Full PDB file with SEQRES, HELIX, SHEET, SSBOND, CRYST1, ORIGX, SCALE, CONECT and MASTER records, all heavy atoms in Angstrom:
SEQRES   1 A   41  SER SER SER GLY ASP TYR THR ASN TYR GLU ASP SER VAL          
SEQRES   2 A   41  LYS GLY ARG PHE THR ILE SER ARG ASP ILE ALA LYS ASN          
SEQRES   3 A   41  THR VAL TYR LEU GLN MET ASN SER LEU LYS PRO GLU ASP          
SEQRES   4 A   41  THR ALA                                                      
HELIX    1 AA1 ASP A   11  VAL A   13  5                                   3    
HELIX    2 AA2 PRO A   37  ASP A   39  5                                   3    
SHEET    1 AA1 2 PHE A  17  ASP A  22  0                                        
SHEET    2 AA1 2 THR A  27  MET A  32 -1                                        
CRYST1    1.000    1.000    1.000  90.00  90.00  90.00 P 1           1          
ORIGX1      1.000000  0.000000  0.000000        0.00000                         
ORIGX2      0.000000  1.000000  0.000000        0.00000                         
ORIGX3      0.000000  0.000000  1.000000        0.00000                         
SCALE1      1.000000  0.000000  0.000000        0.00000                         
SCALE2      0.000000  1.000000  0.000000        0.00000                         
SCALE3      0.000000  0.000000  1.000000        0.00000                         
ATOM      1  N   SER A   1     213.844 276.009  23.123  1.00  0.00           N  
ATOM      2  CA  SER A   1     213.494 274.835  23.906  1.00  0.00           C  
ATOM      3  C   SER A   1     212.504 275.193  25.006  1.00  0.00           C  
ATOM      4  O   SER A   1     212.252 276.360  25.299  1.00  0.00           O  
ATOM      5  CB  SER A   1     214.752 274.214  24.518  1.00  0.00           C  
ATOM      6  OG  SER A   1     215.314 275.077  25.487  1.00  0.00           O  
ATOM      7  N   SER A   2     211.947 274.154  25.630  1.00  0.00           N  
ATOM      8  CA  SER A   2     210.983 274.371  26.702  1.00  0.00           C  
ATOM      9  C   SER A   2     211.581 275.116  27.885  1.00  0.00           C  
ATOM     10  O   SER A   2     210.866 275.842  28.579  1.00  0.00           O  
ATOM     11  CB  SER A   2     210.402 273.038  27.171  1.00  0.00           C  
ATOM     12  OG  SER A   2     211.412 272.192  27.693  1.00  0.00           O  
ATOM     13  N   SER A   3     212.873 274.939  28.117  1.00  0.00           N  
ATOM     14  CA  SER A   3     213.550 275.636  29.204  1.00  0.00           C  
ATOM     15  C   SER A   3     213.875 277.088  28.858  1.00  0.00           C  
ATOM     16  O   SER A   3     214.135 277.895  29.752  1.00  0.00           O  
ATOM     17  CB  SER A   3     214.835 274.909  29.587  1.00  0.00           C  
ATOM     18  OG  SER A   3     215.794 275.011  28.553  1.00  0.00           O  
ATOM     19  N   GLY A   4     213.890 277.389  27.585  1.00  0.00           N  
ATOM     20  CA  GLY A   4     214.294 278.704  27.134  1.00  0.00           C  
ATOM     21  C   GLY A   4     215.789 278.893  27.049  1.00  0.00           C  
ATOM     22  O   GLY A   4     216.256 279.952  26.614  1.00  0.00           O  
ATOM     23  N   ASP A   5     216.545 277.887  27.447  1.00  0.00           N  
ATOM     24  CA  ASP A   5     217.997 278.002  27.502  1.00  0.00           C  
ATOM     25  C   ASP A   5     218.679 277.675  26.183  1.00  0.00           C  
ATOM     26  O   ASP A   5     219.864 277.978  26.017  1.00  0.00           O  
ATOM     27  CB  ASP A   5     218.566 277.082  28.583  1.00  0.00           C  
ATOM     28  CG  ASP A   5     218.178 277.513  29.974  1.00  0.00           C  
ATOM     29  OD1 ASP A   5     217.937 278.718  30.189  1.00  0.00           O  
ATOM     30  OD2 ASP A   5     218.121 276.643  30.867  1.00  0.00           O  
ATOM     31  N   TYR A   6     217.974 277.050  25.286  1.00  0.00           N  
ATOM     32  CA  TYR A   6     218.544 276.652  24.009  1.00  0.00           C  
ATOM     33  C   TYR A   6     217.757 277.284  22.880  1.00  0.00           C  
ATOM     34  O   TYR A   6     216.525 277.214  22.852  1.00  0.00           O  
ATOM     35  CB  TYR A   6     218.536 275.134  23.857  1.00  0.00           C  
ATOM     36  CG  TYR A   6     218.930 274.665  22.479  1.00  0.00           C  
ATOM     37  CD1 TYR A   6     220.268 274.538  22.128  1.00  0.00           C  
ATOM     38  CD2 TYR A   6     217.960 274.363  21.530  1.00  0.00           C  
ATOM     39  CE1 TYR A   6     220.634 274.119  20.864  1.00  0.00           C  
ATOM     40  CE2 TYR A   6     218.319 273.946  20.261  1.00  0.00           C  
ATOM     41  CZ  TYR A   6     219.658 273.821  19.928  1.00  0.00           C  
ATOM     42  OH  TYR A   6     220.012 273.410  18.673  1.00  0.00           O  
ATOM     43  N   THR A   7     218.471 277.882  21.959  1.00  0.00           N  
ATOM     44  CA  THR A   7     217.874 278.403  20.736  1.00  0.00           C  
ATOM     45  C   THR A   7     218.744 278.024  19.558  1.00  0.00           C  
ATOM     46  O   THR A   7     219.949 277.833  19.697  1.00  0.00           O  
ATOM     47  CB  THR A   7     217.718 279.928  20.777  1.00  0.00           C  
ATOM     48  OG1 THR A   7     219.005 280.542  20.948  1.00  0.00           O  
ATOM     49  CG2 THR A   7     216.808 280.367  21.918  1.00  0.00           C  
ATOM     50  N   ASN A   8     218.122 277.914  18.396  1.00  0.00           N  
ATOM     51  CA  ASN A   8     218.899 277.710  17.190  1.00  0.00           C  
ATOM     52  C   ASN A   8     218.306 278.531  16.058  1.00  0.00           C  
ATOM     53  O   ASN A   8     217.157 278.986  16.121  1.00  0.00           O  
ATOM     54  CB  ASN A   8     219.015 276.224  16.818  1.00  0.00           C  
ATOM     55  CG  ASN A   8     217.691 275.573  16.452  1.00  0.00           C  
ATOM     56  OD1 ASN A   8     216.839 276.170  15.793  1.00  0.00           O  
ATOM     57  ND2 ASN A   8     217.527 274.319  16.856  1.00  0.00           N  
ATOM     58  N   TYR A   9     219.124 278.729  15.034  1.00  0.00           N  
ATOM     59  CA  TYR A   9     218.738 279.537  13.893  1.00  0.00           C  
ATOM     60  C   TYR A   9     219.300 278.933  12.622  1.00  0.00           C  
ATOM     61  O   TYR A   9     220.408 278.387  12.607  1.00  0.00           O  
ATOM     62  CB  TYR A   9     219.275 280.969  14.020  1.00  0.00           C  
ATOM     63  CG  TYR A   9     218.785 281.712  15.226  1.00  0.00           C  
ATOM     64  CD1 TYR A   9     219.488 281.668  16.429  1.00  0.00           C  
ATOM     65  CD2 TYR A   9     217.622 282.465  15.170  1.00  0.00           C  
ATOM     66  CE1 TYR A   9     219.036 282.348  17.545  1.00  0.00           C  
ATOM     67  CE2 TYR A   9     217.162 283.149  16.282  1.00  0.00           C  
ATOM     68  CZ  TYR A   9     217.877 283.086  17.465  1.00  0.00           C  
ATOM     69  OH  TYR A   9     217.419 283.767  18.575  1.00  0.00           O  
ATOM     70  N   GLU A  10     218.537 279.030  11.564  1.00  0.00           N  
ATOM     71  CA  GLU A  10     219.065 278.683  10.265  1.00  0.00           C  
ATOM     72  C   GLU A  10     220.171 279.675   9.910  1.00  0.00           C  
ATOM     73  O   GLU A  10     220.096 280.855  10.258  1.00  0.00           O  
ATOM     74  CB  GLU A  10     217.959 278.710   9.210  1.00  0.00           C  
ATOM     75  CG  GLU A  10     218.401 278.204   7.857  1.00  0.00           C  
ATOM     76  CD  GLU A  10     217.280 278.206   6.846  1.00  0.00           C  
ATOM     77  OE1 GLU A  10     216.454 279.145   6.887  1.00  0.00           O  
ATOM     78  OE2 GLU A  10     217.221 277.278   6.028  1.00  0.00           O  
ATOM     79  N   ASP A  11     221.178 279.204   9.214  1.00  0.00           N  
ATOM     80  CA  ASP A  11     222.337 280.039   8.928  1.00  0.00           C  
ATOM     81  C   ASP A  11     221.963 281.348   8.225  1.00  0.00           C  
ATOM     82  O   ASP A  11     222.563 282.394   8.491  1.00  0.00           O  
ATOM     83  CB  ASP A  11     223.348 279.271   8.074  1.00  0.00           C  
ATOM     84  CG  ASP A  11     224.081 278.204   8.857  1.00  0.00           C  
ATOM     85  OD1 ASP A  11     224.069 278.258  10.096  1.00  0.00           O  
ATOM     86  OD2 ASP A  11     224.688 277.318   8.219  1.00  0.00           O  
ATOM     87  N   SER A  12     220.990 281.293   7.347  1.00  0.00           N  
ATOM     88  CA  SER A  12     220.647 282.469   6.563  1.00  0.00           C  
ATOM     89  C   SER A  12     220.027 283.592   7.389  1.00  0.00           C  
ATOM     90  O   SER A  12     219.969 284.733   6.922  1.00  0.00           O  
ATOM     91  CB  SER A  12     219.694 282.086   5.425  1.00  0.00           C  
ATOM     92  OG  SER A  12     218.451 281.624   5.928  1.00  0.00           O  
ATOM     93  N   VAL A  13     219.566 283.289   8.599  1.00  0.00           N  
ATOM     94  CA  VAL A  13     218.926 284.313   9.421  1.00  0.00           C  
ATOM     95  C   VAL A  13     219.734 284.659  10.664  1.00  0.00           C  
ATOM     96  O   VAL A  13     219.345 285.573  11.408  1.00  0.00           O  
ATOM     97  CB  VAL A  13     217.495 283.903   9.839  1.00  0.00           C  
ATOM     98  CG1 VAL A  13     216.674 283.508   8.618  1.00  0.00           C  
ATOM     99  CG2 VAL A  13     217.516 282.780  10.865  1.00  0.00           C  
ATOM    100  N   LYS A  14     220.835 283.984  10.900  1.00  0.00           N  
ATOM    101  CA  LYS A  14     221.658 284.276  12.070  1.00  0.00           C  
ATOM    102  C   LYS A  14     222.140 285.721  12.044  1.00  0.00           C  
ATOM    103  O   LYS A  14     222.592 286.216  11.023  1.00  0.00           O  
ATOM    104  CB  LYS A  14     222.859 283.332  12.127  1.00  0.00           C  
ATOM    105  CG  LYS A  14     222.522 281.919  12.557  1.00  0.00           C  
ATOM    106  CD  LYS A  14     223.769 281.054  12.650  1.00  0.00           C  
ATOM    107  CE  LYS A  14     223.436 279.653  13.122  1.00  0.00           C  
ATOM    108  NZ  LYS A  14     224.633 278.786  13.172  1.00  0.00           N  
ATOM    109  N   GLY A  15     222.032 286.364  13.185  1.00  0.00           N  
ATOM    110  CA  GLY A  15     222.416 287.754  13.289  1.00  0.00           C  
ATOM    111  C   GLY A  15     221.330 288.722  12.898  1.00  0.00           C  
ATOM    112  O   GLY A  15     221.461 289.927  13.156  1.00  0.00           O  
ATOM    113  N   ARG A  16     220.274 288.230  12.280  1.00  0.00           N  
ATOM    114  CA  ARG A  16     219.163 289.076  11.860  1.00  0.00           C  
ATOM    115  C   ARG A  16     217.873 288.782  12.623  1.00  0.00           C  
ATOM    116  O   ARG A  16     217.098 289.691  12.902  1.00  0.00           O  
ATOM    117  CB  ARG A  16     218.903 288.920  10.360  1.00  0.00           C  
ATOM    118  CG  ARG A  16     220.087 289.298   9.482  1.00  0.00           C  
ATOM    119  CD  ARG A  16     219.690 289.351   8.012  1.00  0.00           C  
ATOM    120  NE  ARG A  16     219.259 288.038   7.521  1.00  0.00           N  
ATOM    121  CZ  ARG A  16     218.052 287.789   7.001  1.00  0.00           C  
ATOM    122  NH1 ARG A  16     217.153 288.764   6.904  1.00  0.00           N  
ATOM    123  NH2 ARG A  16     217.758 286.584   6.555  1.00  0.00           N  
ATOM    124  N   PHE A  17     217.643 287.512  12.929  1.00  0.00           N  
ATOM    125  CA  PHE A  17     216.418 287.094  13.615  1.00  0.00           C  
ATOM    126  C   PHE A  17     216.733 286.721  15.054  1.00  0.00           C  
ATOM    127  O   PHE A  17     217.808 286.181  15.345  1.00  0.00           O  
ATOM    128  CB  PHE A  17     215.788 285.883  12.927  1.00  0.00           C  
ATOM    129  CG  PHE A  17     215.197 286.151  11.568  1.00  0.00           C  
ATOM    130  CD1 PHE A  17     215.408 287.344  10.899  1.00  0.00           C  
ATOM    131  CD2 PHE A  17     214.415 285.177  10.959  1.00  0.00           C  
ATOM    132  CE1 PHE A  17     214.865 287.576   9.651  1.00  0.00           C  
ATOM    133  CE2 PHE A  17     213.865 285.392   9.704  1.00  0.00           C  
ATOM    134  CZ  PHE A  17     214.092 286.590   9.050  1.00  0.00           C  
ATOM    135  N   THR A  18     215.782 286.961  15.937  1.00  0.00           N  
ATOM    136  CA  THR A  18     215.910 286.587  17.334  1.00  0.00           C  
ATOM    137  C   THR A  18     214.607 285.976  17.821  1.00  0.00           C  
ATOM    138  O   THR A  18     213.543 286.583  17.669  1.00  0.00           O  
ATOM    139  CB  THR A  18     216.262 287.788  18.221  1.00  0.00           C  
ATOM    140  OG1 THR A  18     217.471 288.403  17.760  1.00  0.00           O  
ATOM    141  CG2 THR A  18     216.457 287.340  19.673  1.00  0.00           C  
ATOM    142  N   ILE A  19     214.702 284.782  18.407  1.00  0.00           N  
ATOM    143  CA  ILE A  19     213.531 284.136  18.979  1.00  0.00           C  
ATOM    144  C   ILE A  19     213.521 284.382  20.484  1.00  0.00           C  
ATOM    145  O   ILE A  19     214.564 284.373  21.136  1.00  0.00           O  
ATOM    146  CB  ILE A  19     213.508 282.628  18.653  1.00  0.00           C  
ATOM    147  CG1 ILE A  19     212.161 282.003  19.021  1.00  0.00           C  
ATOM    148  CG2 ILE A  19     214.652 281.887  19.332  1.00  0.00           C  
ATOM    149  CD1 ILE A  19     211.981 280.591  18.484  1.00  0.00           C  
ATOM    150  N   SER A  20     212.347 284.615  21.032  1.00  0.00           N  
ATOM    151  CA  SER A  20     212.207 284.851  22.461  1.00  0.00           C  
ATOM    152  C   SER A  20     210.815 284.414  22.893  1.00  0.00           C  
ATOM    153  O   SER A  20     209.970 284.080  22.061  1.00  0.00           O  
ATOM    154  CB  SER A  20     212.450 286.321  22.812  1.00  0.00           C  
ATOM    155  OG  SER A  20     211.488 287.156  22.195  1.00  0.00           O  
ATOM    156  N   ARG A  21     210.580 284.436  24.197  1.00  0.00           N  
ATOM    157  CA  ARG A  21     209.274 284.042  24.694  1.00  0.00           C  
ATOM    158  C   ARG A  21     208.901 284.831  25.936  1.00  0.00           C  
ATOM    159  O   ARG A  21     209.758 285.346  26.658  1.00  0.00           O  
ATOM    160  CB  ARG A  21     209.246 282.540  25.003  1.00  0.00           C  
ATOM    161  CG  ARG A  21     210.147 282.137  26.163  1.00  0.00           C  
ATOM    162  CD  ARG A  21     210.085 280.655  26.413  1.00  0.00           C  
ATOM    163  NE  ARG A  21     210.761 280.291  27.650  1.00  0.00           N  
ATOM    164  CZ  ARG A  21     210.720 279.108  28.214  1.00  0.00           C  
ATOM    165  NH1 ARG A  21     210.022 278.129  27.635  1.00  0.00           N  
ATOM    166  NH2 ARG A  21     211.366 278.879  29.341  1.00  0.00           N  
ATOM    167  N   ASP A  22     207.606 284.904  26.164  1.00  0.00           N  
ATOM    168  CA  ASP A  22     207.044 285.538  27.347  1.00  0.00           C  
ATOM    169  C   ASP A  22     206.145 284.496  27.998  1.00  0.00           C  
ATOM    170  O   ASP A  22     205.042 284.236  27.513  1.00  0.00           O  
ATOM    171  CB  ASP A  22     206.269 286.800  26.979  1.00  0.00           C  
ATOM    172  CG  ASP A  22     205.804 287.585  28.180  1.00  0.00           C  
ATOM    173  OD1 ASP A  22     205.473 286.976  29.215  1.00  0.00           O  
ATOM    174  OD2 ASP A  22     205.753 288.832  28.093  1.00  0.00           O  
ATOM    175  N   ILE A  23     206.621 283.900  29.081  1.00  0.00           N  
ATOM    176  CA  ILE A  23     205.877 282.824  29.730  1.00  0.00           C  
ATOM    177  C   ILE A  23     204.516 283.322  30.227  1.00  0.00           C  
ATOM    178  O   ILE A  23     203.501 282.636  30.086  1.00  0.00           O  
ATOM    179  CB  ILE A  23     206.681 282.236  30.899  1.00  0.00           C  
ATOM    180  CG1 ILE A  23     207.965 281.571  30.385  1.00  0.00           C  
ATOM    181  CG2 ILE A  23     205.843 281.234  31.670  1.00  0.00           C  
ATOM    182  CD1 ILE A  23     207.706 280.362  29.503  1.00  0.00           C  
ATOM    183  N   ALA A  24     204.492 284.499  30.812  1.00  0.00           N  
ATOM    184  CA  ALA A  24     203.251 285.034  31.357  1.00  0.00           C  
ATOM    185  C   ALA A  24     202.184 285.203  30.287  1.00  0.00           C  
ATOM    186  O   ALA A  24     200.993 285.021  30.552  1.00  0.00           O  
ATOM    187  CB  ALA A  24     203.511 286.358  32.069  1.00  0.00           C  
ATOM    188  N   LYS A  25     202.600 285.563  29.093  1.00  0.00           N  
ATOM    189  CA  LYS A  25     201.665 285.764  27.991  1.00  0.00           C  
ATOM    190  C   LYS A  25     201.480 284.522  27.133  1.00  0.00           C  
ATOM    191  O   LYS A  25     200.688 284.544  26.186  1.00  0.00           O  
ATOM    192  CB  LYS A  25     202.125 286.922  27.113  1.00  0.00           C  
ATOM    193  CG  LYS A  25     202.098 288.267  27.808  1.00  0.00           C  
ATOM    194  CD  LYS A  25     202.506 289.381  26.856  1.00  0.00           C  
ATOM    195  CE  LYS A  25     202.418 290.733  27.520  1.00  0.00           C  
ATOM    196  NZ  LYS A  25     202.818 291.830  26.597  1.00  0.00           N  
ATOM    197  N   ASN A  26     202.213 283.457  27.442  1.00  0.00           N  
ATOM    198  CA  ASN A  26     202.162 282.232  26.641  1.00  0.00           C  
ATOM    199  C   ASN A  26     202.379 282.531  25.160  1.00  0.00           C  
ATOM    200  O   ASN A  26     201.655 282.044  24.282  1.00  0.00           O  
ATOM    201  CB  ASN A  26     200.843 281.496  26.845  1.00  0.00           C  
ATOM    202  CG  ASN A  26     201.026 280.138  27.497  1.00  0.00           C  
ATOM    203  OD1 ASN A  26     201.984 279.909  28.232  1.00  0.00           O  
ATOM    204  ND2 ASN A  26     200.105 279.223  27.223  1.00  0.00           N  
ATOM    205  N   THR A  27     203.397 283.316  24.896  1.00  0.00           N  
ATOM    206  CA  THR A  27     203.653 283.793  23.544  1.00  0.00           C  
ATOM    207  C   THR A  27     205.137 283.681  23.214  1.00  0.00           C  
ATOM    208  O   THR A  27     205.988 283.985  24.052  1.00  0.00           O  
ATOM    209  CB  THR A  27     203.194 285.246  23.378  1.00  0.00           C  
ATOM    210  OG1 THR A  27     201.788 285.334  23.643  1.00  0.00           O  
ATOM    211  CG2 THR A  27     203.453 285.742  21.967  1.00  0.00           C  
ATOM    212  N   VAL A  28     205.417 283.249  22.006  1.00  0.00           N  
ATOM    213  CA  VAL A  28     206.770 283.203  21.472  1.00  0.00           C  
ATOM    214  C   VAL A  28     206.866 284.220  20.343  1.00  0.00           C  
ATOM    215  O   VAL A  28     205.938 284.359  19.545  1.00  0.00           O  
ATOM    216  CB  VAL A  28     207.130 281.797  20.982  1.00  0.00           C  
ATOM    217  CG1 VAL A  28     208.499 281.790  20.301  1.00  0.00           C  
ATOM    218  CG2 VAL A  28     207.130 280.818  22.149  1.00  0.00           C  
ATOM    219  N   TYR A  29     207.987 284.906  20.284  1.00  0.00           N  
ATOM    220  CA  TYR A  29     208.186 285.951  19.294  1.00  0.00           C  
ATOM    221  C   TYR A  29     209.338 285.609  18.361  1.00  0.00           C  
ATOM    222  O   TYR A  29     210.272 284.899  18.721  1.00  0.00           O  
ATOM    223  CB  TYR A  29     208.497 287.286  19.978  1.00  0.00           C  
ATOM    224  CG  TYR A  29     207.449 287.729  20.958  1.00  0.00           C  
ATOM    225  CD1 TYR A  29     207.601 287.499  22.318  1.00  0.00           C  
ATOM    226  CD2 TYR A  29     206.297 288.381  20.523  1.00  0.00           C  
ATOM    227  CE1 TYR A  29     206.639 287.901  23.225  1.00  0.00           C  
ATOM    228  CE2 TYR A  29     205.332 288.784  21.422  1.00  0.00           C  
ATOM    229  CZ  TYR A  29     205.502 288.546  22.771  1.00  0.00           C  
ATOM    230  OH  TYR A  29     204.546 288.953  23.664  1.00  0.00           O  
ATOM    231  N   LEU A  30     209.261 286.134  17.175  1.00  0.00           N  
ATOM    232  CA  LEU A  30     210.373 286.092  16.241  1.00  0.00           C  
ATOM    233  C   LEU A  30     210.605 287.505  15.745  1.00  0.00           C  
ATOM    234  O   LEU A  30     209.823 288.020  14.938  1.00  0.00           O  
ATOM    235  CB  LEU A  30     210.098 285.149  15.071  1.00  0.00           C  
ATOM    236  CG  LEU A  30     211.272 284.951  14.106  1.00  0.00           C  
ATOM    237  CD1 LEU A  30     212.404 284.195  14.791  1.00  0.00           C  
ATOM    238  CD2 LEU A  30     210.827 284.212  12.848  1.00  0.00           C  
ATOM    239  N   GLN A  31     211.645 288.137  16.268  1.00  0.00           N  
ATOM    240  CA  GLN A  31     212.026 289.464  15.824  1.00  0.00           C  
ATOM    241  C   GLN A  31     212.878 289.328  14.579  1.00  0.00           C  
ATOM    242  O   GLN A  31     213.915 288.670  14.601  1.00  0.00           O  
ATOM    243  CB  GLN A  31     212.797 290.200  16.919  1.00  0.00           C  
ATOM    244  CG  GLN A  31     213.266 291.596  16.533  1.00  0.00           C  
ATOM    245  CD  GLN A  31     212.127 292.568  16.340  1.00  0.00           C  
ATOM    246  OE1 GLN A  31     211.223 292.623  17.163  1.00  0.00           O  
ATOM    247  NE2 GLN A  31     212.166 293.323  15.251  1.00  0.00           N  
ATOM    248  N   MET A  32     212.453 289.951  13.500  1.00  0.00           N  
ATOM    249  CA  MET A  32     213.129 289.842  12.220  1.00  0.00           C  
ATOM    250  C   MET A  32     213.619 291.225  11.810  1.00  0.00           C  
ATOM    251  O   MET A  32     212.816 292.130  11.576  1.00  0.00           O  
ATOM    252  CB  MET A  32     212.200 289.260  11.157  1.00  0.00           C  
ATOM    253  CG  MET A  32     211.570 287.929  11.550  1.00  0.00           C  
ATOM    254  SD  MET A  32     210.597 287.176  10.212  1.00  0.00           S  
ATOM    255  CE  MET A  32     209.318 288.419  10.026  1.00  0.00           C  
ATOM    256  N   ASN A  33     214.920 291.374  11.726  1.00  0.00           N  
ATOM    257  CA  ASN A  33     215.547 292.623  11.321  1.00  0.00           C  
ATOM    258  C   ASN A  33     216.291 292.434  10.007  1.00  0.00           C  
ATOM    259  O   ASN A  33     216.587 291.317   9.597  1.00  0.00           O  
ATOM    260  CB  ASN A  33     216.516 293.112  12.396  1.00  0.00           C  
ATOM    261  CG  ASN A  33     215.845 293.400  13.715  1.00  0.00           C  
ATOM    262  OD1 ASN A  33     214.701 293.839  13.764  1.00  0.00           O  
ATOM    263  ND2 ASN A  33     216.563 293.172  14.821  1.00  0.00           N  
ATOM    264  N   SER A  34     216.619 293.542   9.375  1.00  0.00           N  
ATOM    265  CA  SER A  34     217.371 293.526   8.120  1.00  0.00           C  
ATOM    266  C   SER A  34     216.763 292.560   7.124  1.00  0.00           C  
ATOM    267  O   SER A  34     217.454 291.746   6.502  1.00  0.00           O  
ATOM    268  CB  SER A  34     218.837 293.173   8.394  1.00  0.00           C  
ATOM    269  OG  SER A  34     219.430 294.084   9.286  1.00  0.00           O  
ATOM    270  N   LEU A  35     215.471 292.657   6.947  1.00  0.00           N  
ATOM    271  CA  LEU A  35     214.758 291.709   6.102  1.00  0.00           C  
ATOM    272  C   LEU A  35     215.164 291.833   4.641  1.00  0.00           C  
ATOM    273  O   LEU A  35     215.440 292.927   4.146  1.00  0.00           O  
ATOM    274  CB  LEU A  35     213.258 291.905   6.252  1.00  0.00           C  
ATOM    275  CG  LEU A  35     212.675 291.324   7.543  1.00  0.00           C  
ATOM    276  CD1 LEU A  35     211.303 291.903   7.830  1.00  0.00           C  
ATOM    277  CD2 LEU A  35     212.609 289.802   7.453  1.00  0.00           C  
ATOM    278  N   LYS A  36     215.186 290.691   3.983  1.00  0.00           N  
ATOM    279  CA  LYS A  36     215.560 290.588   2.585  1.00  0.00           C  
ATOM    280  C   LYS A  36     214.397 290.019   1.782  1.00  0.00           C  
ATOM    281  O   LYS A  36     213.549 289.317   2.333  1.00  0.00           O  
ATOM    282  CB  LYS A  36     216.779 289.671   2.431  1.00  0.00           C  
ATOM    283  CG  LYS A  36     217.983 290.073   3.261  1.00  0.00           C  
ATOM    284  CD  LYS A  36     219.087 289.034   3.157  1.00  0.00           C  
ATOM    285  CE  LYS A  36     220.287 289.416   3.995  1.00  0.00           C  
ATOM    286  NZ  LYS A  36     221.361 288.391   3.909  1.00  0.00           N  
ATOM    287  N   PRO A  37     214.351 290.287   0.485  1.00  0.00           N  
ATOM    288  CA  PRO A  37     213.275 289.712  -0.327  1.00  0.00           C  
ATOM    289  C   PRO A  37     213.184 288.195  -0.213  1.00  0.00           C  
ATOM    290  O   PRO A  37     212.073 287.644  -0.266  1.00  0.00           O  
ATOM    291  CB  PRO A  37     213.641 290.151  -1.746  1.00  0.00           C  
ATOM    292  CG  PRO A  37     214.369 291.433  -1.552  1.00  0.00           C  
ATOM    293  CD  PRO A  37     215.169 291.237  -0.281  1.00  0.00           C  
ATOM    294  N   GLU A  38     214.304 287.523  -0.045  1.00  0.00           N  
ATOM    295  CA  GLU A  38     214.288 286.074   0.077  1.00  0.00           C  
ATOM    296  C   GLU A  38     213.688 285.580   1.385  1.00  0.00           C  
ATOM    297  O   GLU A  38     213.488 284.376   1.562  1.00  0.00           O  
ATOM    298  CB  GLU A  38     215.695 285.487  -0.105  1.00  0.00           C  
ATOM    299  CG  GLU A  38     216.756 286.170   0.734  1.00  0.00           C  
ATOM    300  CD  GLU A  38     217.530 287.225  -0.046  1.00  0.00           C  
ATOM    301  OE1 GLU A  38     216.879 288.033  -0.756  1.00  0.00           O  
ATOM    302  OE2 GLU A  38     218.769 287.244   0.044  1.00  0.00           O  
ATOM    303  N   ASP A  39     213.398 286.493   2.310  1.00  0.00           N  
ATOM    304  CA  ASP A  39     212.686 286.127   3.523  1.00  0.00           C  
ATOM    305  C   ASP A  39     211.182 286.030   3.297  1.00  0.00           C  
ATOM    306  O   ASP A  39     210.453 285.613   4.201  1.00  0.00           O  
ATOM    307  CB  ASP A  39     212.957 287.138   4.642  1.00  0.00           C  
ATOM    308  CG  ASP A  39     214.406 287.142   5.095  1.00  0.00           C  
ATOM    309  OD1 ASP A  39     214.992 286.049   5.243  1.00  0.00           O  
ATOM    310  OD2 ASP A  39     214.954 288.244   5.309  1.00  0.00           O  
ATOM    311  N   THR A  40     210.720 286.428   2.134  1.00  0.00           N  
ATOM    312  CA  THR A  40     209.299 286.370   1.824  1.00  0.00           C  
ATOM    313  C   THR A  40     208.798 284.936   1.887  1.00  0.00           C  
ATOM    314  O   THR A  40     209.338 284.045   1.225  1.00  0.00           O  
ATOM    315  CB  THR A  40     209.024 286.958   0.439  1.00  0.00           C  
ATOM    316  OG1 THR A  40     209.359 288.352   0.437  1.00  0.00           O  
ATOM    317  CG2 THR A  40     207.559 286.810   0.062  1.00  0.00           C  
ATOM    318  N   ALA A  41     207.777 284.703   2.689  1.00  0.00           N  
ATOM    319  CA  ALA A  41     207.244 283.361   2.885  1.00  0.00           C  
ATOM    320  C   ALA A  41     206.049 283.438   3.818  1.00  0.00           C  
ATOM    321  O   ALA A  41     205.786 284.472   4.441  1.00  0.00           O  
ATOM    322  CB  ALA A  41     208.310 282.431   3.481  1.00  0.00           C  
TER     323      ALA A  41                                                      
MASTER        0    0    0    2    2    0    0    6  322    1    0    4          
END                                                                             
């Protein structure tokens, strides 16, 4: 969310992906760990 206080994840990526942001850099990140072939997209 715009406040940064709310995040959500699709069930298939919970525990593996993390969304975050850096306000100073105006950048949002998606850290993806334990990647699976079905994550290909």
